Amino acid sequence: MSVTPPHLGRPEGRPLPSQALPTQGLAPSRVRLPNGATVLARETRKTPAVAINVAIRAGSIGDPADELGATYMLSRVIDRGTATKSAEAIADELDGRGVSLTISVTRHLFTLFCTCLAEDFESVLALVGEIVQAPSITNEELAIRKGEVVTGLRQDEDNPAVRAVERLMSLLYGPDHPYGRRAKGTIESVERLTRSGLQELHSQRFVPSQLTAVVVGDVETTRMVDIASSVFGSWTAPPPPPLTLAPVTRGTERRRITIPMMNKSQAEIAYGFTTIRRDDPQYYAFSLLNNVFGQYALGGRLGDSIRERQGMAYHVSSTLDANILPGPLVVRAGVNAANVERAIASIDAEVTALRRDGVTARELAESRQYLIGAMPRQLETNAGIAQFLQTAEFFGLGLDYDVRLPDYLSAVTLDHVRVAAQNYLDIDTATIVIAGPYAE
């Protein structure tokens, strides 16, 4: 039975009625270009460098049904040549400036990130822009990267931790749902990928209206915006075809699956629930709940019980991934196969206690202090600021979110946390996967 949560203010990040508009904080400059691209710039004097974080709303949810893993594969080849530069020329240009370009894919975002010297900012951003807009995707590079990805998939299939989490997500969301399928695809789907298919995916999904470029560092804000505008402002492409995501259905019964891997030395447990969207009013209560449950200190309550007091886990923690759709809360534990039943029983006991009693006043205060205190550490570097601003932009949290976040966390009460636990955590609807040298 669902319990209505107490009011926590505006989940999308707008000020609570009692709050005045902030007068300090990051306060980045935000510009929407005529072609729909967004530029966020923040000048800092921390170091003579600039962090570049370019994200396109073109994550793995856009993989065609018959080309699973296409977006991940694109991330492996996109920097291996452009319309005017070879893979070697790109590598030489980056290496010559001491720049390492990192490319990552999540369900919703395709991100390119690097840090460069302030004096190299214009040239490096121009190169990143060319990689984003005009990759060549040659057959030769595709063949090489296919081999690497297939090798990685085979390694994943031999990894109990990966197998457990992937099967858990498939059970929670369904094997055909973008949240439930493997972002890297399968060996069979990867081997079917073609240059023309990746080019089509790029032309449809990589468009200016889906791009946000965040630049943070030792360059004047107006100059950063002007350079980003010159790199991305002339790019033209129609909006992408709309994507329809199936709604998420919460579990109604307890499910337990075993993946026997008898040649392994330890068992991996993945235990979870579907929970909330990022814009849910309970998000801040859930963040604090998760911190108490499986994050704070050496793994929260889970770490204290299963690892420290009972000494039967090599690792144990929980993670919350609230997203555009209701995301999962996942407990992961690595244990000796002889301790699987005890470990699951202990997780059940901690879930039951949270649902019944919530958290203590001391736990709430310490977790709140920890999360608020972590913000300055996250924002110590240009890269940390750029990632924070990119996340805030993606979820529509506002340019002053760094100022308001402590107030949102401070507004959470013991009742808020208890209600969040009662609404979503129930051992009778838990999904559990065990992978390793264990058989039912």
Protein backbone atom coordinates (compact mmCIF):
# COMPACT_ATOMS: atom_id res chain seq x y z
CA MET A 1 0.00 0.00 0.00
CA SER A 2 1.41 3.37 -0.99
CA VAL A 3 1.81 6.11 1.60
CA THR A 4 1.54 9.73 0.48
CA PRO A 5 4.85 11.49 1.19
CA PRO A 6 4.93 14.73 3.16
CA HIS A 7 5.54 17.79 0.98
CA LEU A 8 9.23 18.42 0.29
CA GLY A 9 9.02 21.37 -2.04
CA ARG A 10 9.60 21.52 -5.77
CA PRO A 11 11.43 18.37 -6.90
CA GLU A 12 12.63 19.91 -10.13
CA GLY A 13 14.87 22.17 -8.13
CA ARG A 14 13.02 25.49 -8.02
CA PRO A 15 13.20 27.45 -4.76
CA LEU A 16 10.99 26.66 -1.85
CA PRO A 17 8.52 29.50 -1.18
CA SER A 18 10.49 30.68 1.84
CA GLN A 19 13.80 30.89 -0.01
CA ALA A 20 15.18 34.06 -1.45
CA LEU A 21 16.96 33.96 -4.77
CA PRO A 22 20.61 33.01 -4.26
CA THR A 23 23.31 35.66 -4.32
CA GLN A 24 26.29 33.28 -4.52
CA GLY A 25 27.25 29.88 -5.82
CA LEU A 26 28.43 28.66 -9.20
CA ALA A 27 26.07 30.94 -11.16
CA PRO A 28 27.18 29.75 -14.61
CA SER A 29 26.36 31.58 -17.81
CA ARG A 30 23.81 29.69 -19.93
CA VAL A 31 23.22 30.41 -23.60
CA ARG A 32 20.79 28.66 -25.94
CA LEU A 33 22.07 28.92 -29.51
CA PRO A 34 19.65 29.49 -32.43
CA ASN A 35 20.10 25.86 -33.55
CA GLY A 36 18.99 24.58 -30.12
CA ALA A 37 22.42 23.70 -28.68
CA THR A 38 23.03 24.79 -25.09
CA VAL A 39 26.27 26.24 -23.75
CA LEU A 40 27.07 26.54 -20.04
CA ALA A 41 30.22 28.40 -19.04
CA ARG A 42 31.82 29.05 -15.67
CA GLU A 43 35.06 30.96 -15.26
CA THR A 44 37.38 29.77 -12.47
CA ARG A 45 40.93 30.56 -11.48
CA LYS A 46 41.71 27.25 -9.78
CA THR A 47 44.29 26.17 -12.35
CA PRO A 48 45.31 27.44 -15.82
CA ALA A 49 43.13 24.78 -17.42
CA VAL A 50 39.65 24.22 -18.81
CA ALA A 51 37.34 21.23 -18.39
CA ILE A 52 35.19 20.42 -21.42
CA ASN A 53 32.08 18.27 -20.92
CA VAL A 54 29.94 17.79 -24.04
CA ALA A 55 26.83 15.63 -23.68
CA ILE A 56 24.30 14.64 -26.30
CA ARG A 57 20.91 13.23 -25.34
CA ALA A 58 21.66 10.15 -27.40
CA GLY A 59 22.22 7.34 -24.93
CA SER A 60 21.65 3.61 -25.32
CA ILE A 61 17.86 3.97 -25.12
CA GLY A 62 18.10 5.03 -28.77
CA ASP A 63 19.57 1.73 -29.95
CA PRO A 64 17.41 0.22 -32.71
CA ALA A 65 15.78 -3.02 -31.58
CA ASP A 66 17.85 -5.04 -34.05
CA GLU A 67 21.11 -3.15 -33.35
CA LEU A 68 21.58 -3.41 -29.59
CA GLY A 69 24.92 -1.99 -28.53
CA ALA A 70 25.04 0.44 -31.46
CA THR A 71 25.43 3.56 -29.30
CA TYR A 72 28.14 1.95 -27.21
CA MET A 73 29.94 0.90 -30.39
CA LEU A 74 29.63 4.45 -31.70
CA SER A 75 31.40 5.64 -28.55
CA ARG A 76 34.31 3.35 -29.45
CA VAL A 77 34.73 4.62 -33.02
CA ILE A 78 33.56 8.24 -32.94
CA ASP A 79 37.02 9.63 -32.21
CA ARG A 80 38.77 7.37 -34.72
CA GLY A 81 38.64 9.79 -37.61
CA THR A 82 36.52 12.67 -38.93
CA ALA A 83 35.70 14.13 -42.31
CA THR A 84 39.03 16.00 -42.32
CA LYS A 85 41.26 14.15 -39.82
CA SER A 86 42.51 10.58 -39.53
CA ALA A 87 42.53 8.64 -36.28
CA GLU A 88 46.29 9.15 -36.09
CA ALA A 89 45.99 12.91 -36.61
CA ILE A 90 43.39 13.17 -33.84
CA ALA A 91 45.53 11.11 -31.47
CA ASP A 92 48.61 13.18 -32.26
CA GLU A 93 46.75 16.45 -31.73
CA LEU A 94 45.41 15.33 -28.34
CA ASP A 95 48.66 13.72 -27.22
CA GLY A 96 50.65 16.75 -28.28
CA ARG A 97 48.63 18.85 -25.85
CA GLY A 98 48.61 16.27 -23.06
CA VAL A 99 44.86 15.74 -23.42
CA SER A 100 43.03 12.47 -22.75
CA LEU A 101 39.53 12.34 -24.25
CA THR A 102 37.09 10.18 -22.30
CA ILE A 103 33.89 9.01 -24.01
CA SER A 104 31.08 7.36 -22.06
CA VAL A 105 27.52 6.18 -22.68
CA THR A 106 24.64 5.92 -20.23
CA ARG A 107 21.00 5.14 -20.92
CA HIS A 108 20.26 8.75 -21.80
CA LEU A 109 23.56 10.53 -22.50
CA PHE A 110 26.57 10.22 -24.78
CA THR A 111 29.37 12.23 -23.19
CA LEU A 112 32.81 13.42 -24.29
CA PHE A 113 35.05 14.84 -21.57
CA CYS A 114 38.56 16.21 -21.36
CA THR A 115 40.70 18.79 -19.61
CA CYS A 116 43.19 20.98 -21.46
CA LEU A 117 45.43 23.94 -20.79
CA ALA A 118 43.63 27.27 -21.04
CA GLU A 119 45.86 28.28 -23.95
CA ASP A 120 44.73 25.18 -25.89
CA PHE A 121 41.01 25.53 -25.15
CA GLU A 122 39.93 26.92 -28.53
CA SER A 123 41.79 24.27 -30.54
CA VAL A 124 40.72 21.37 -28.33
CA LEU A 125 37.05 22.37 -28.27
CA ALA A 126 37.12 22.72 -32.07
CA LEU A 127 38.48 19.18 -32.31
CA VAL A 128 35.86 17.81 -29.92
CA GLY A 129 33.19 19.60 -31.95
CA GLU A 130 34.43 18.02 -35.17
CA ILE A 131 34.45 14.58 -33.56
CA VAL A 132 30.85 15.05 -32.42
CA GLN A 133 29.55 16.45 -35.70
CA ALA A 134 31.47 14.65 -38.43
CA PRO A 135 32.92 11.25 -37.48
CA SER A 136 34.09 9.17 -40.43
CA ILE A 137 33.36 5.71 -38.87
CA THR A 138 35.57 3.72 -41.21
CA ASN A 139 35.09 0.00 -41.79
CA GLU A 140 38.67 -0.64 -40.69
CA GLU A 141 38.19 1.04 -37.31
CA LEU A 142 34.79 -0.57 -36.86
CA ALA A 143 36.26 -4.03 -37.36
CA ILE A 144 38.96 -3.36 -34.76
CA ARG A 145 36.52 -1.99 -32.17
CA LYS A 146 34.05 -4.81 -32.80
CA GLY A 147 36.73 -7.28 -31.85
CA GLU A 148 37.50 -5.36 -28.67
CA VAL A 149 33.84 -5.09 -27.67
CA VAL A 150 33.18 -8.78 -28.32
CA THR A 151 36.19 -9.65 -26.16
CA GLY A 152 34.80 -7.40 -23.42
CA LEU A 153 31.40 -9.05 -23.65
CA ARG A 154 32.98 -12.48 -23.29
CA GLN A 155 34.82 -11.25 -20.21
CA ASP A 156 31.55 -9.88 -18.82
CA GLU A 157 29.91 -13.27 -19.32
CA ASP A 158 32.62 -14.77 -17.12
CA ASN A 159 32.25 -12.12 -14.40
CA PRO A 160 29.76 -13.02 -11.61
CA ALA A 161 29.29 -9.38 -10.55
CA VAL A 162 28.40 -8.26 -14.08
CA ARG A 163 26.17 -11.27 -14.68
CA ALA A 164 24.26 -10.71 -11.44
CA VAL A 165 23.59 -7.00 -12.02
CA GLU A 166 22.68 -7.43 -15.70
CA ARG A 167 20.22 -10.21 -14.88
CA LEU A 168 18.75 -8.15 -12.05
CA MET A 169 18.11 -5.22 -14.40
CA SER A 170 16.56 -7.56 -16.96
CA LEU A 171 14.19 -8.93 -14.32
CA LEU A 172 13.30 -5.52 -12.90
CA TYR A 173 12.58 -3.87 -16.25
CA GLY A 174 12.13 -6.69 -18.73
CA PRO A 175 14.76 -7.86 -21.26
CA ASP A 176 13.39 -5.65 -24.05
CA HIS A 177 13.14 -2.42 -22.04
CA PRO A 178 16.04 0.03 -22.56
CA TYR A 179 16.69 0.00 -18.80
CA GLY A 180 16.71 -3.79 -18.73
CA ARG A 181 18.90 -4.66 -21.70
CA ARG A 182 22.69 -4.65 -21.91
CA ALA A 183 24.03 -1.27 -23.05
CA LYS A 184 26.92 -3.00 -24.83
CA GLY A 185 24.54 -5.32 -26.67
CA THR A 186 25.23 -9.00 -27.18
CA ILE A 187 27.95 -10.76 -29.14
CA GLU A 188 25.44 -11.53 -31.87
CA SER A 189 24.06 -7.98 -32.09
CA VAL A 190 27.53 -6.41 -32.07
CA GLU A 191 28.72 -8.66 -34.87
CA ARG A 192 25.74 -7.50 -36.98
CA LEU A 193 26.56 -3.79 -36.63
CA THR A 194 27.51 -2.00 -39.82
CA ARG A 195 29.09 1.29 -40.77
CA SER A 196 25.89 2.42 -42.50
CA GLY A 197 23.83 1.58 -39.42
CA LEU A 198 26.10 3.60 -37.12
CA GLN A 199 26.09 6.50 -39.58
CA GLU A 200 22.29 6.45 -39.62
CA LEU A 201 22.17 6.36 -35.82
CA HIS A 202 24.55 9.30 -35.65
CA SER A 203 22.65 11.36 -38.21
CA GLN A 204 19.34 10.81 -36.39
CA ARG A 205 20.42 11.22 -32.77
CA PHE A 206 23.42 13.56 -32.86
CA VAL A 207 21.73 16.88 -33.51
CA PRO A 208 22.32 20.34 -32.01
CA SER A 209 19.02 20.50 -30.14
CA GLN A 210 20.18 17.52 -28.05
CA LEU A 211 23.64 18.88 -27.18
CA THR A 212 24.84 20.62 -24.04
CA ALA A 213 28.42 21.88 -23.92
CA VAL A 214 29.75 22.75 -20.45
CA VAL A 215 33.08 24.56 -20.23
CA VAL A 216 34.67 25.46 -16.90
CA GLY A 217 38.06 27.00 -16.33
CA ASP A 218 40.61 29.75 -16.61
CA VAL A 219 39.17 31.58 -19.60
CA GLU A 220 36.83 34.55 -19.52
CA THR A 221 33.19 33.49 -19.59
CA THR A 222 32.31 35.58 -22.64
CA ARG A 223 35.22 34.09 -24.58
CA MET A 224 34.26 30.53 -23.62
CA VAL A 225 30.70 31.16 -24.81
CA ASP A 226 31.89 32.79 -28.03
CA ILE A 227 34.23 29.90 -28.85
CA ALA A 228 31.60 27.27 -28.05
CA SER A 229 29.11 29.17 -30.18
CA SER A 230 31.51 29.23 -33.10
CA VAL A 231 32.14 25.49 -32.78
CA PHE A 232 28.53 24.36 -32.46
CA GLY A 233 26.45 27.31 -33.69
CA SER A 234 26.60 26.55 -37.43
CA TRP A 235 25.62 22.90 -36.99
CA THR A 236 22.21 22.21 -38.50
CA ALA A 237 20.09 19.08 -38.30
CA PRO A 238 16.40 18.38 -37.67
CA PRO A 239 15.20 17.23 -34.25
CA PRO A 240 15.53 13.47 -33.65
CA PRO A 241 12.57 11.10 -33.99
CA PRO A 242 10.75 10.85 -30.66
CA LEU A 243 11.49 7.88 -28.42
CA THR A 244 8.69 6.26 -26.46
CA LEU A 245 9.77 4.47 -23.30
CA ALA A 246 7.47 1.83 -21.86
CA PRO A 247 6.31 2.59 -18.32
CA VAL A 248 8.04 0.81 -15.47
CA THR A 249 5.98 -1.76 -13.59
CA ARG A 250 6.88 -2.32 -9.96
CA GLY A 251 7.36 -5.87 -8.72
CA THR A 252 4.47 -7.57 -6.97
CA GLU A 253 6.22 -10.72 -5.75
CA ARG A 254 9.58 -11.89 -4.52
CA ARG A 255 11.79 -13.35 -7.26
CA ARG A 256 15.07 -15.19 -6.90
CA ILE A 257 17.33 -16.44 -9.69
CA THR A 258 20.63 -18.32 -9.51
CA ILE A 259 23.33 -18.26 -12.19
CA PRO A 260 25.66 -21.19 -11.42
CA MET A 261 29.32 -20.37 -12.11
CA MET A 262 30.98 -23.20 -10.27
CA ASN A 263 34.55 -22.32 -11.28
CA LYS A 264 34.47 -19.00 -9.41
CA SER A 265 35.85 -18.33 -5.93
CA GLN A 266 33.02 -16.17 -4.57
CA ALA A 267 29.34 -15.51 -5.12
CA GLU A 268 27.93 -12.13 -6.11
CA ILE A 269 24.48 -11.07 -4.92
CA ALA A 270 22.42 -8.38 -6.63
CA TYR A 271 19.25 -7.49 -4.72
CA GLY A 272 16.94 -4.69 -5.74
CA PHE A 273 13.73 -2.82 -6.39
CA THR A 274 12.49 -0.29 -8.91
CA THR A 275 11.97 2.97 -7.04
CA ILE A 276 11.57 6.60 -8.12
CA ARG A 277 12.16 9.10 -10.91
CA ARG A 278 14.68 11.88 -10.39
CA ASP A 279 11.87 14.44 -10.29
CA ASP A 280 9.94 12.59 -7.57
CA PRO A 281 9.30 14.73 -4.45
CA GLN A 282 10.79 11.90 -2.39
CA TYR A 283 14.17 12.04 -4.12
CA TYR A 284 16.03 13.81 -1.32
CA ALA A 285 14.55 11.56 1.33
CA PHE A 286 15.51 8.55 -0.76
CA SER A 287 19.07 9.86 -1.20
CA LEU A 288 19.49 10.12 2.55
CA LEU A 289 17.84 6.72 3.06
CA ASN A 290 20.27 5.11 0.61
CA ASN A 291 23.23 6.78 2.27
CA VAL A 292 22.23 5.36 5.65
CA PHE A 293 21.37 1.98 4.14
CA GLY A 294 24.47 1.21 2.12
CA GLN A 295 26.83 4.15 1.61
CA TYR A 296 27.83 6.08 4.73
CA ALA A 297 31.23 5.26 6.27
CA LEU A 298 32.07 1.64 5.32
CA GLY A 299 28.82 0.83 3.56
CA GLY A 300 26.12 2.11 5.91
CA ARG A 301 23.96 -0.31 7.85
CA LEU A 302 24.66 -3.06 5.33
CA GLY A 303 28.42 -2.72 5.72
CA ASP A 304 28.21 -2.53 9.50
CA SER A 305 26.02 -5.64 9.76
CA ILE A 306 27.20 -7.94 6.98
CA ARG A 307 30.85 -6.99 6.65
CA GLU A 308 31.98 -5.57 9.98
CA ARG A 309 29.94 -7.41 12.62
CA GLN A 310 29.28 -10.68 10.81
CA GLY A 311 32.47 -10.73 8.73
CA MET A 312 30.91 -12.54 5.79
CA ALA A 313 31.15 -10.08 2.88
CA TYR A 314 34.12 -9.04 0.80
CA HIS A 315 32.11 -6.00 -0.21
CA VAL A 316 28.56 -4.76 0.29
CA SER A 317 26.85 -1.48 -0.62
CA SER A 318 23.70 0.02 -2.10
CA THR A 319 23.20 2.46 -4.96
CA LEU A 320 20.23 4.59 -6.03
CA ASP A 321 19.87 5.49 -9.72
CA ALA A 322 16.80 7.72 -9.93
CA ASN A 323 16.48 8.69 -13.59
CA ILE A 324 14.05 9.89 -16.25
CA LEU A 325 12.06 6.74 -15.50
CA PRO A 326 11.87 5.13 -12.05
CA GLY A 327 15.37 3.88 -11.36
CA PRO A 328 16.60 0.99 -9.26
CA LEU A 329 17.89 0.76 -5.74
CA VAL A 330 20.43 -2.06 -5.89
CA VAL A 331 22.29 -3.85 -3.12
CA ARG A 332 25.47 -5.62 -4.22
CA ALA A 333 27.43 -8.03 -2.06
CA GLY A 334 30.33 -10.39 -2.66
CA VAL A 335 30.40 -13.35 -0.29
CA ASN A 336 31.71 -16.84 0.14
CA ALA A 337 29.21 -19.28 -1.37
CA ALA A 338 28.67 -20.79 2.08
CA ASN A 339 27.36 -17.43 3.30
CA VAL A 340 24.84 -16.66 0.53
CA GLU A 341 21.75 -17.54 2.57
CA ARG A 342 22.97 -15.66 5.65
CA ALA A 343 23.84 -12.61 3.58
CA ILE A 344 20.43 -12.50 1.89
CA ALA A 345 18.73 -12.95 5.25
CA SER A 346 20.77 -10.05 6.63
CA ILE A 347 19.82 -7.81 3.71
CA ASP A 348 16.19 -8.77 4.28
CA ALA A 349 16.54 -7.85 7.96
CA GLU A 350 17.98 -4.41 7.17
CA VAL A 351 15.26 -3.71 4.57
CA THR A 352 12.58 -4.76 7.06
CA ALA A 353 14.04 -2.53 9.77
CA LEU A 354 14.14 0.46 7.41
CA ARG A 355 10.56 -0.13 6.35
CA ARG A 356 9.34 -0.57 9.92
CA ASP A 357 11.39 2.02 11.82
CA GLY A 358 13.02 4.31 9.28
CA VAL A 359 16.38 5.75 10.33
CA THR A 360 17.53 7.27 13.61
CA ALA A 361 17.94 10.97 14.23
CA ARG A 362 21.70 10.51 14.47
CA GLU A 363 21.88 8.57 11.19
CA LEU A 364 19.83 11.23 9.41
CA ALA A 365 21.96 14.07 10.78
CA GLU A 366 25.25 12.36 9.91
CA SER A 367 24.14 11.41 6.41
CA ARG A 368 22.81 14.91 5.77
CA GLN A 369 26.08 16.40 7.00
CA TYR A 370 28.03 13.98 4.80
CA LEU A 371 26.07 14.72 1.61
CA ILE A 372 26.14 18.48 2.15
CA GLY A 373 29.81 18.34 3.07
CA ALA A 374 30.60 16.34 -0.05
CA MET A 375 29.47 19.17 -2.33
CA PRO A 376 32.48 21.45 -1.79
CA ARG A 377 34.79 18.50 -2.41
CA GLN A 378 32.94 17.67 -5.63
CA LEU A 379 33.22 21.28 -6.76
CA GLU A 380 36.92 21.66 -5.96
CA THR A 381 37.95 20.86 -9.53
CA ASN A 382 36.89 22.19 -12.91
CA ALA A 383 35.95 18.66 -13.93
CA GLY A 384 33.73 18.26 -10.86
CA ILE A 385 31.98 21.57 -11.53
CA ALA A 386 31.45 20.67 -15.19
CA GLN A 387 29.89 17.32 -14.31
CA PHE A 388 27.66 18.91 -11.65
CA LEU A 389 26.40 21.52 -14.13
CA GLN A 390 25.87 18.90 -16.84
CA THR A 391 23.74 16.78 -14.49
CA ALA A 392 21.75 19.78 -13.29
CA GLU A 393 21.06 20.82 -16.89
CA PHE A 394 19.97 17.32 -17.92
CA PHE A 395 17.45 17.01 -15.09
CA GLY A 396 16.32 20.65 -15.29
CA LEU A 397 17.44 21.48 -11.74
CA GLY A 398 18.29 25.12 -12.36
CA LEU A 399 21.45 27.23 -12.52
CA ASP A 400 21.39 27.82 -8.76
CA TYR A 401 20.94 24.18 -7.77
CA ASP A 402 24.25 24.11 -5.91
CA VAL A 403 22.95 26.85 -3.60
CA ARG A 404 19.57 25.23 -2.98
CA LEU A 405 20.61 21.60 -2.61
CA PRO A 406 21.62 21.92 1.07
CA ASP A 407 18.17 23.35 1.84
CA TYR A 408 16.46 20.42 0.15
CA LEU A 409 18.49 17.94 2.17
CA SER A 410 17.96 19.92 5.36
CA ALA A 411 14.19 19.85 4.81
CA VAL A 412 14.08 16.03 4.98
CA THR A 413 12.70 14.68 8.25
CA LEU A 414 12.63 11.25 9.86
CA ASP A 415 9.04 10.84 8.67
CA HIS A 416 10.02 11.60 5.07
CA VAL A 417 12.62 8.83 5.12
CA ARG A 418 10.32 6.34 6.80
CA VAL A 419 7.54 6.99 4.28
CA ALA A 420 9.98 6.58 1.35
CA ALA A 421 11.04 3.21 2.75
CA GLN A 422 7.44 2.12 3.29
CA ASN A 423 6.47 3.10 -0.24
CA TYR A 424 9.19 1.19 -2.07
CA LEU A 425 11.13 -1.27 0.09
CA ASP A 426 9.43 -4.57 0.82
CA ILE A 427 11.23 -7.91 1.02
CA ASP A 428 8.13 -9.58 -0.40
CA THR A 429 8.66 -7.73 -3.71
CA ALA A 430 12.47 -7.90 -3.81
CA THR A 431 14.27 -9.33 -6.84
CA ILE A 432 17.43 -11.29 -6.07
CA VAL A 433 20.11 -12.73 -8.34
CA ILE A 434 23.00 -14.90 -7.15
CA ALA A 435 25.90 -15.59 -9.54
CA GLY A 436 28.87 -17.74 -8.64
CA PRO A 437 29.78 -21.15 -7.17
CA TYR A 438 26.34 -21.68 -5.73
CA ALA A 439 23.34 -23.80 -6.64
CA GLU A 440 19.86 -23.83 -5.14
